[in-house]
Amino acid sequence: MATRVLNCPNCGAPLEIESRFTRVVVCQFCDQTSYVHDTGLDPTGKVAKLVEADSRLGVGKEGTIKGRPFRTLGRVRYNYEGGYWDEWFVRFSDGKAGWLEEDDEGEYVLTHKTRLTTPLPPFDEIRIASTIPISKEKVFITEKGVGSFAGAEGQVSVEAIPGRPMHFVDGNASGRAVRIIMTDKSIHLSMGDALEFDDIQV
């Protein structure tokens, strides 16, 4: 898609919307978080300055993932009882989008949002080391927990409103990583593959 330029509803600064998947944008000048609509930007009233990421990635950085050129558009940080993790929203040169999940030990998983086609069991009924059907996959559950969105920077395709509670479930299916993020408004299913350090070149 062609880049759209919208003005921050708080400070008026021009913000470039670079992906058709973008749902939330954070102003780089005043840190205002806004929903992206066809008609413009809608402020959420939430402002959160994320701690700078100790990462080789960053908003605006470009590189390749297994030879595919990409540009980093944004970051979401999730807090949970065991610490935090970051997810980087990336746009590939063919216009497709993906997420680079980065834990606090610098391990990466490239995932893509996947449509959920079957109902999930309630969070409280999901057990670690159990196997549950999700869409067309049988997913072995490795971790679950509760936390919140610390916030976002740049532009992202999820409604990463600072302080919003969330539940997460991690697992694997046929050797692929699976992550589910549940909020009071939505459920996001992602599937992907772990990367070696040298798979990412920036």
C-alpha atoms as a PDB file:
ATOM      1  CA  MET A   1       0.000   0.000   0.000  1.00  0.00           C
ATOM      2  CA  ALA A   2       1.058   3.629  -0.408  1.00  0.00           C
ATOM      3  CA  THR A   3       2.251   5.294   2.795  1.00  0.00           C
ATOM      4  CA  ARG A   4      -0.463   7.345   4.518  1.00  0.00           C
ATOM      5  CA  VAL A   5       0.438  10.458   6.477  1.00  0.00           C
ATOM      6  CA  LEU A   6      -1.833  11.276   9.418  1.00  0.00           C
ATOM      7  CA  ASN A   7      -1.419  13.918  12.102  1.00  0.00           C
ATOM      8  CA  CYS A   8      -1.010  13.067  15.777  1.00  0.00           C
ATOM      9  CA  PRO A   9      -4.219  14.132  17.570  1.00  0.00           C
ATOM     10  CA  ASN A  10      -2.177  15.347  20.543  1.00  0.00           C
ATOM     11  CA  CYS A  11       0.750  17.330  19.108  1.00  0.00           C
ATOM     12  CA  GLY A  12      -0.125  17.507  15.401  1.00  0.00           C
ATOM     13  CA  ALA A  13       3.091  15.873  14.191  1.00  0.00           C
ATOM     14  CA  PRO A  14       2.865  14.001  10.859  1.00  0.00           C
ATOM     15  CA  LEU A  15       2.929  10.210  11.298  1.00  0.00           C
ATOM     16  CA  GLU A  16       3.566   7.882   8.373  1.00  0.00           C
ATOM     17  CA  ILE A  17       1.425   4.717   8.338  1.00  0.00           C
ATOM     18  CA  GLU A  18       3.523   2.222   6.390  1.00  0.00           C
ATOM     19  CA  SER A  19       1.453  -0.990   6.539  1.00  0.00           C
ATOM     20  CA  ARG A  20      -2.182  -1.762   5.798  1.00  0.00           C
ATOM     21  CA  PHE A  21      -2.119  -4.016   8.886  1.00  0.00           C
ATOM     22  CA  THR A  22      -1.330  -1.155  11.293  1.00  0.00           C
ATOM     23  CA  ARG A  23      -3.978  -0.775  14.029  1.00  0.00           C
ATOM     24  CA  VAL A  24      -2.126   1.370  16.589  1.00  0.00           C
ATOM     25  CA  VAL A  25       0.522   4.068  16.151  1.00  0.00           C
ATOM     26  CA  VAL A  26       2.607   5.763  18.852  1.00  0.00           C
ATOM     27  CA  CYS A  27       3.791   9.293  18.159  1.00  0.00           C
ATOM     28  CA  GLN A  28       7.591   9.492  18.220  1.00  0.00           C
ATOM     29  CA  PHE A  29       7.420  13.098  19.438  1.00  0.00           C
ATOM     30  CA  CYS A  30       4.902  13.006  22.331  1.00  0.00           C
ATOM     31  CA  ASP A  31       4.347   9.223  22.866  1.00  0.00           C
ATOM     32  CA  GLN A  32       0.582   9.544  22.324  1.00  0.00           C
ATOM     33  CA  THR A  33      -0.980   6.144  21.501  1.00  0.00           C
ATOM     34  CA  SER A  34      -3.716   6.286  18.829  1.00  0.00           C
ATOM     35  CA  TYR A  35      -5.972   3.853  17.013  1.00  0.00           C
ATOM     36  CA  VAL A  36      -5.664   3.942  13.221  1.00  0.00           C
ATOM     37  CA  HIS A  37      -9.002   4.236  11.377  1.00  0.00           C
ATOM     38  CA  ASP A  38      -9.871   4.855   7.734  1.00  0.00           C
ATOM     39  CA  THR A  39     -10.894   8.367   8.694  1.00  0.00           C
ATOM     40  CA  GLY A  40      -7.804   9.209  10.743  1.00  0.00           C
ATOM     41  CA  LEU A  41      -6.339   8.727  14.216  1.00  0.00           C
ATOM     42  CA  ASP A  42      -8.360   8.240  17.407  1.00  0.00           C
ATOM     43  CA  PRO A  43      -6.452   8.965  20.645  1.00  0.00           C
ATOM     44  CA  THR A  44      -6.750   6.349  23.391  1.00  0.00           C
ATOM     45  CA  GLY A  45      -5.745   8.730  26.158  1.00  0.00           C
ATOM     46  CA  LYS A  46      -2.855   6.422  27.024  1.00  0.00           C
ATOM     47  CA  VAL A  47       0.743   7.632  26.967  1.00  0.00           C
ATOM     48  CA  ALA A  48       3.660   5.351  27.852  1.00  0.00           C
ATOM     49  CA  LYS A  49       7.352   5.764  27.155  1.00  0.00           C
ATOM     50  CA  LEU A  50       8.901   2.335  26.703  1.00  0.00           C
ATOM     51  CA  VAL A  51      12.310   1.585  28.114  1.00  0.00           C
ATOM     52  CA  GLU A  52      14.798   1.453  25.263  1.00  0.00           C
ATOM     53  CA  ALA A  53      15.220  -2.083  24.021  1.00  0.00           C
ATOM     54  CA  ASP A  54      18.589  -3.789  24.526  1.00  0.00           C
ATOM     55  CA  SER A  55      18.369  -5.289  21.048  1.00  0.00           C
ATOM     56  CA  ARG A  56      20.008  -5.152  17.649  1.00  0.00           C
ATOM     57  CA  LEU A  57      16.570  -4.335  16.273  1.00  0.00           C
ATOM     58  CA  GLY A  58      14.892  -0.938  16.449  1.00  0.00           C
ATOM     59  CA  VAL A  59      12.034   1.001  14.885  1.00  0.00           C
ATOM     60  CA  GLY A  60      13.102   2.016  11.386  1.00  0.00           C
ATOM     61  CA  LYS A  61      15.915  -0.506  11.119  1.00  0.00           C
ATOM     62  CA  GLU A  62      16.154  -2.583   7.962  1.00  0.00           C
ATOM     63  CA  GLY A  63      17.770  -5.912   7.178  1.00  0.00           C
ATOM     64  CA  THR A  64      17.046  -9.433   6.036  1.00  0.00           C
ATOM     65  CA  ILE A  65      15.517 -12.522   7.633  1.00  0.00           C
ATOM     66  CA  LYS A  66      16.779 -15.642   5.879  1.00  0.00           C
ATOM     67  CA  GLY A  67      17.491 -13.430   2.878  1.00  0.00           C
ATOM     68  CA  ARG A  68      14.078 -11.671   2.841  1.00  0.00           C
ATOM     69  CA  PRO A  69      14.414  -7.866   3.084  1.00  0.00           C
ATOM     70  CA  PHE A  70      12.398  -6.301   5.910  1.00  0.00           C
ATOM     71  CA  ARG A  71      11.841  -3.006   7.694  1.00  0.00           C
ATOM     72  CA  THR A  72      10.998  -2.756  11.407  1.00  0.00           C
ATOM     73  CA  LEU A  73       7.840  -0.687  11.910  1.00  0.00           C
ATOM     74  CA  GLY A  74       7.169  -1.007  15.636  1.00  0.00           C
ATOM     75  CA  ARG A  75       7.542  -2.835  18.931  1.00  0.00           C
ATOM     76  CA  VAL A  76       5.197  -4.127  21.614  1.00  0.00           C
ATOM     77  CA  ARG A  77       6.460  -4.966  25.093  1.00  0.00           C
ATOM     78  CA  TYR A  78       4.592  -7.453  27.259  1.00  0.00           C
ATOM     79  CA  ASN A  79       5.102  -7.692  31.025  1.00  0.00           C
ATOM     80  CA  TYR A  80       4.398 -10.890  32.940  1.00  0.00           C
ATOM     81  CA  GLU A  81       5.302 -12.442  36.275  1.00  0.00           C
ATOM     82  CA  GLY A  82       8.561 -13.879  34.886  1.00  0.00           C
ATOM     83  CA  GLY A  83       9.789 -10.637  33.315  1.00  0.00           C
ATOM     84  CA  TYR A  84       9.008  -9.317  29.834  1.00  0.00           C
ATOM     85  CA  TRP A  85       9.346  -9.981  26.126  1.00  0.00           C
ATOM     86  CA  ASP A  86       9.298  -7.773  23.034  1.00  0.00           C
ATOM     87  CA  GLU A  87       7.616  -8.366  19.701  1.00  0.00           C
ATOM     88  CA  TRP A  88       8.826  -6.403  16.666  1.00  0.00           C
ATOM     89  CA  PHE A  89       6.324  -5.670  13.881  1.00  0.00           C
ATOM     90  CA  VAL A  90       8.098  -6.044  10.534  1.00  0.00           C
ATOM     91  CA  ARG A  91       7.093  -5.427   6.931  1.00  0.00           C
ATOM     92  CA  PHE A  92       8.730  -7.455   4.190  1.00  0.00           C
ATOM     93  CA  SER A  93       9.595  -6.045   0.777  1.00  0.00           C
ATOM     94  CA  ASP A  94       6.622  -7.882  -0.776  1.00  0.00           C
ATOM     95  CA  GLY A  95       4.229  -6.020   1.558  1.00  0.00           C
ATOM     96  CA  LYS A  96       3.566  -8.973   3.861  1.00  0.00           C
ATOM     97  CA  ALA A  97       3.841  -8.471   7.621  1.00  0.00           C
ATOM     98  CA  GLY A  98       5.234 -10.576  10.429  1.00  0.00           C
ATOM     99  CA  TRP A  99       6.372 -10.440  14.035  1.00  0.00           C
ATOM    100  CA  LEU A 100       9.806 -11.092  15.466  1.00  0.00           C
ATOM    101  CA  GLU A 101       9.358 -12.289  19.033  1.00  0.00           C
ATOM    102  CA  GLU A 102      12.430 -11.567  21.168  1.00  0.00           C
ATOM    103  CA  ASP A 103      12.744 -12.805  24.734  1.00  0.00           C
ATOM    104  CA  ASP A 104      14.956 -11.298  27.427  1.00  0.00           C
ATOM    105  CA  GLU A 105      17.749 -13.729  26.487  1.00  0.00           C
ATOM    106  CA  GLY A 106      17.882 -12.537  22.871  1.00  0.00           C
ATOM    107  CA  GLU A 107      16.204 -15.575  21.315  1.00  0.00           C
ATOM    108  CA  TYR A 108      14.051 -14.887  18.233  1.00  0.00           C
ATOM    109  CA  VAL A 109      10.965 -16.490  16.706  1.00  0.00           C
ATOM    110  CA  LEU A 110       9.438 -15.246  13.439  1.00  0.00           C
ATOM    111  CA  THR A 111       5.658 -15.578  13.632  1.00  0.00           C
ATOM    112  CA  HIS A 112       2.631 -14.642  11.597  1.00  0.00           C
ATOM    113  CA  LYS A 113      -0.853 -13.944  12.892  1.00  0.00           C
ATOM    114  CA  THR A 114      -3.110 -16.881  12.049  1.00  0.00           C
ATOM    115  CA  ARG A 115      -6.880 -16.999  11.909  1.00  0.00           C
ATOM    116  CA  LEU A 116      -8.447 -18.893  14.796  1.00  0.00           C
ATOM    117  CA  THR A 117     -11.061 -21.244  13.302  1.00  0.00           C
ATOM    118  CA  THR A 118     -12.160 -23.188  16.396  1.00  0.00           C
ATOM    119  CA  PRO A 119     -13.147 -22.104  19.916  1.00  0.00           C
ATOM    120  CA  LEU A 120     -10.439 -22.178  22.592  1.00  0.00           C
ATOM    121  CA  PRO A 121     -10.935 -23.788  25.997  1.00  0.00           C
ATOM    122  CA  PRO A 122     -11.241 -21.242  28.819  1.00  0.00           C
ATOM    123  CA  PHE A 123      -7.831 -20.044  30.009  1.00  0.00           C
ATOM    124  CA  ASP A 124      -8.277 -21.615  33.457  1.00  0.00           C
ATOM    125  CA  GLU A 125      -8.906 -25.028  31.884  1.00  0.00           C
ATOM    126  CA  ILE A 126      -5.723 -25.041  29.780  1.00  0.00           C
ATOM    127  CA  ARG A 127      -3.044 -27.138  31.474  1.00  0.00           C
ATOM    128  CA  ILE A 128       0.723 -27.091  30.938  1.00  0.00           C
ATOM    129  CA  ALA A 129       1.974 -30.365  29.361  1.00  0.00           C
ATOM    130  CA  SER A 130      -1.456 -31.055  27.891  1.00  0.00           C
ATOM    131  CA  THR A 131      -2.389 -31.169  24.218  1.00  0.00           C
ATOM    132  CA  ILE A 132      -5.335 -29.149  22.925  1.00  0.00           C
ATOM    133  CA  PRO A 133      -6.809 -28.733  19.444  1.00  0.00           C
ATOM    134  CA  ILE A 134      -6.359 -25.237  18.003  1.00  0.00           C
ATOM    135  CA  SER A 135      -7.728 -24.672  14.520  1.00  0.00           C
ATOM    136  CA  LYS A 136      -6.349 -27.658  12.560  1.00  0.00           C
ATOM    137  CA  GLU A 137      -3.390 -28.267  14.873  1.00  0.00           C
ATOM    138  CA  LYS A 138      -2.789 -30.313  18.008  1.00  0.00           C
ATOM    139  CA  VAL A 139      -0.826 -27.972  20.261  1.00  0.00           C
ATOM    140  CA  PHE A 140       1.327 -29.170  23.159  1.00  0.00           C
ATOM    141  CA  ILE A 141       1.177 -26.507  25.895  1.00  0.00           C
ATOM    142  CA  THR A 142       4.554 -25.480  27.349  1.00  0.00           C
ATOM    143  CA  GLU A 143       3.720 -22.301  29.301  1.00  0.00           C
ATOM    144  CA  LYS A 144       0.849 -20.048  30.309  1.00  0.00           C
ATOM    145  CA  GLY A 145       0.558 -16.920  32.376  1.00  0.00           C
ATOM    146  CA  VAL A 146      -0.955 -13.506  32.968  1.00  0.00           C
ATOM    147  CA  GLY A 147       0.465 -10.065  32.394  1.00  0.00           C
ATOM    148  CA  SER A 148      -0.177  -6.768  30.665  1.00  0.00           C
ATOM    149  CA  PHE A 149       0.848  -4.587  27.751  1.00  0.00           C
ATOM    150  CA  ALA A 150       3.689  -2.308  28.821  1.00  0.00           C
ATOM    151  CA  GLY A 151       3.043  -0.288  25.668  1.00  0.00           C
ATOM    152  CA  ALA A 152       4.290   0.133  22.134  1.00  0.00           C
ATOM    153  CA  GLU A 153       6.435   2.303  19.917  1.00  0.00           C
ATOM    154  CA  GLY A 154       6.171   2.998  16.212  1.00  0.00           C
ATOM    155  CA  GLN A 155       3.203   1.300  14.544  1.00  0.00           C
ATOM    156  CA  VAL A 156       1.823  -2.160  15.256  1.00  0.00           C
ATOM    157  CA  SER A 157      -1.054  -4.394  14.196  1.00  0.00           C
ATOM    158  CA  VAL A 158      -2.406  -5.124  17.696  1.00  0.00           C
ATOM    159  CA  GLU A 159      -4.186  -2.833  20.145  1.00  0.00           C
ATOM    160  CA  ALA A 160      -1.250  -2.570  22.539  1.00  0.00           C
ATOM    161  CA  ILE A 161      -2.798  -0.123  24.994  1.00  0.00           C
ATOM    162  CA  PRO A 162      -0.504   0.502  28.007  1.00  0.00           C
ATOM    163  CA  GLY A 163      -1.714  -1.306  31.122  1.00  0.00           C
ATOM    164  CA  ARG A 164      -4.266  -3.521  29.359  1.00  0.00           C
ATOM    165  CA  PRO A 165      -4.326  -6.970  31.036  1.00  0.00           C
ATOM    166  CA  MET A 166      -3.680 -10.064  28.957  1.00  0.00           C
ATOM    167  CA  HIS A 167      -3.296 -13.834  29.274  1.00  0.00           C
ATOM    168  CA  PHE A 168      -0.827 -15.815  27.189  1.00  0.00           C
ATOM    169  CA  VAL A 169      -0.429 -19.458  26.228  1.00  0.00           C
ATOM    170  CA  ASP A 170       2.700 -20.871  24.552  1.00  0.00           C
ATOM    171  CA  GLY A 171       3.087 -24.238  22.889  1.00  0.00           C
ATOM    172  CA  ASN A 172       4.277 -26.082  19.837  1.00  0.00           C
ATOM    173  CA  ALA A 173       2.619 -27.946  16.997  1.00  0.00           C
ATOM    174  CA  SER A 174       4.518 -30.122  14.528  1.00  0.00           C
ATOM    175  CA  GLY A 175       7.767 -28.436  15.532  1.00  0.00           C
ATOM    176  CA  ARG A 176       6.429 -24.899  15.123  1.00  0.00           C
ATOM    177  CA  ALA A 177       6.051 -22.302  17.886  1.00  0.00           C
ATOM    178  CA  VAL A 178       2.526 -21.290  18.885  1.00  0.00           C
ATOM    179  CA  ARG A 179       1.528 -18.284  20.979  1.00  0.00           C
ATOM    180  CA  ILE A 180      -1.943 -17.113  21.988  1.00  0.00           C
ATOM    181  CA  ILE A 181      -2.586 -13.664  23.477  1.00  0.00           C
ATOM    182  CA  MET A 182      -6.006 -13.170  25.089  1.00  0.00           C
ATOM    183  CA  THR A 183      -7.464  -9.823  26.170  1.00  0.00           C
ATOM    184  CA  ASP A 184     -10.950  -8.715  27.141  1.00  0.00           C
ATOM    185  CA  LYS A 185     -11.510  -7.660  23.519  1.00  0.00           C
ATOM    186  CA  SER A 186      -9.645 -10.145  21.322  1.00  0.00           C
ATOM    187  CA  ILE A 187      -7.696 -13.378  20.920  1.00  0.00           C
ATOM    188  CA  HIS A 188      -4.576 -13.441  18.741  1.00  0.00           C
ATOM    189  CA  LEU A 189      -3.078 -16.695  17.494  1.00  0.00           C
ATOM    190  CA  SER A 190       0.469 -16.666  16.094  1.00  0.00           C
ATOM    191  CA  MET A 191       2.515 -19.493  14.621  1.00  0.00           C
ATOM    192  CA  GLY A 192       6.104 -19.474  13.487  1.00  0.00           C
ATOM    193  CA  ASP A 193       9.626 -20.811  13.634  1.00  0.00           C
ATOM    194  CA  ALA A 194      12.674 -20.221  15.804  1.00  0.00           C
ATOM    195  CA  LEU A 195      15.577 -18.396  14.151  1.00  0.00           C
ATOM    196  CA  GLU A 196      19.316 -18.739  14.467  1.00  0.00           C
ATOM    197  CA  PHE A 197      21.277 -15.578  15.309  1.00  0.00           C
ATOM    198  CA  ASP A 198      22.713 -15.340  11.791  1.00  0.00           C
ATOM    199  CA  ASP A 199      19.268 -15.743  10.169  1.00  0.00           C
ATOM    200  CA  ILE A 200      18.713 -12.048  10.985  1.00  0.00           C
ATOM    201  CA  GLN A 201      21.033  -9.540   9.338  1.00  0.00           C
ATOM    202  CA  VAL A 202      20.676  -5.836  10.225  1.00  0.00           C
END
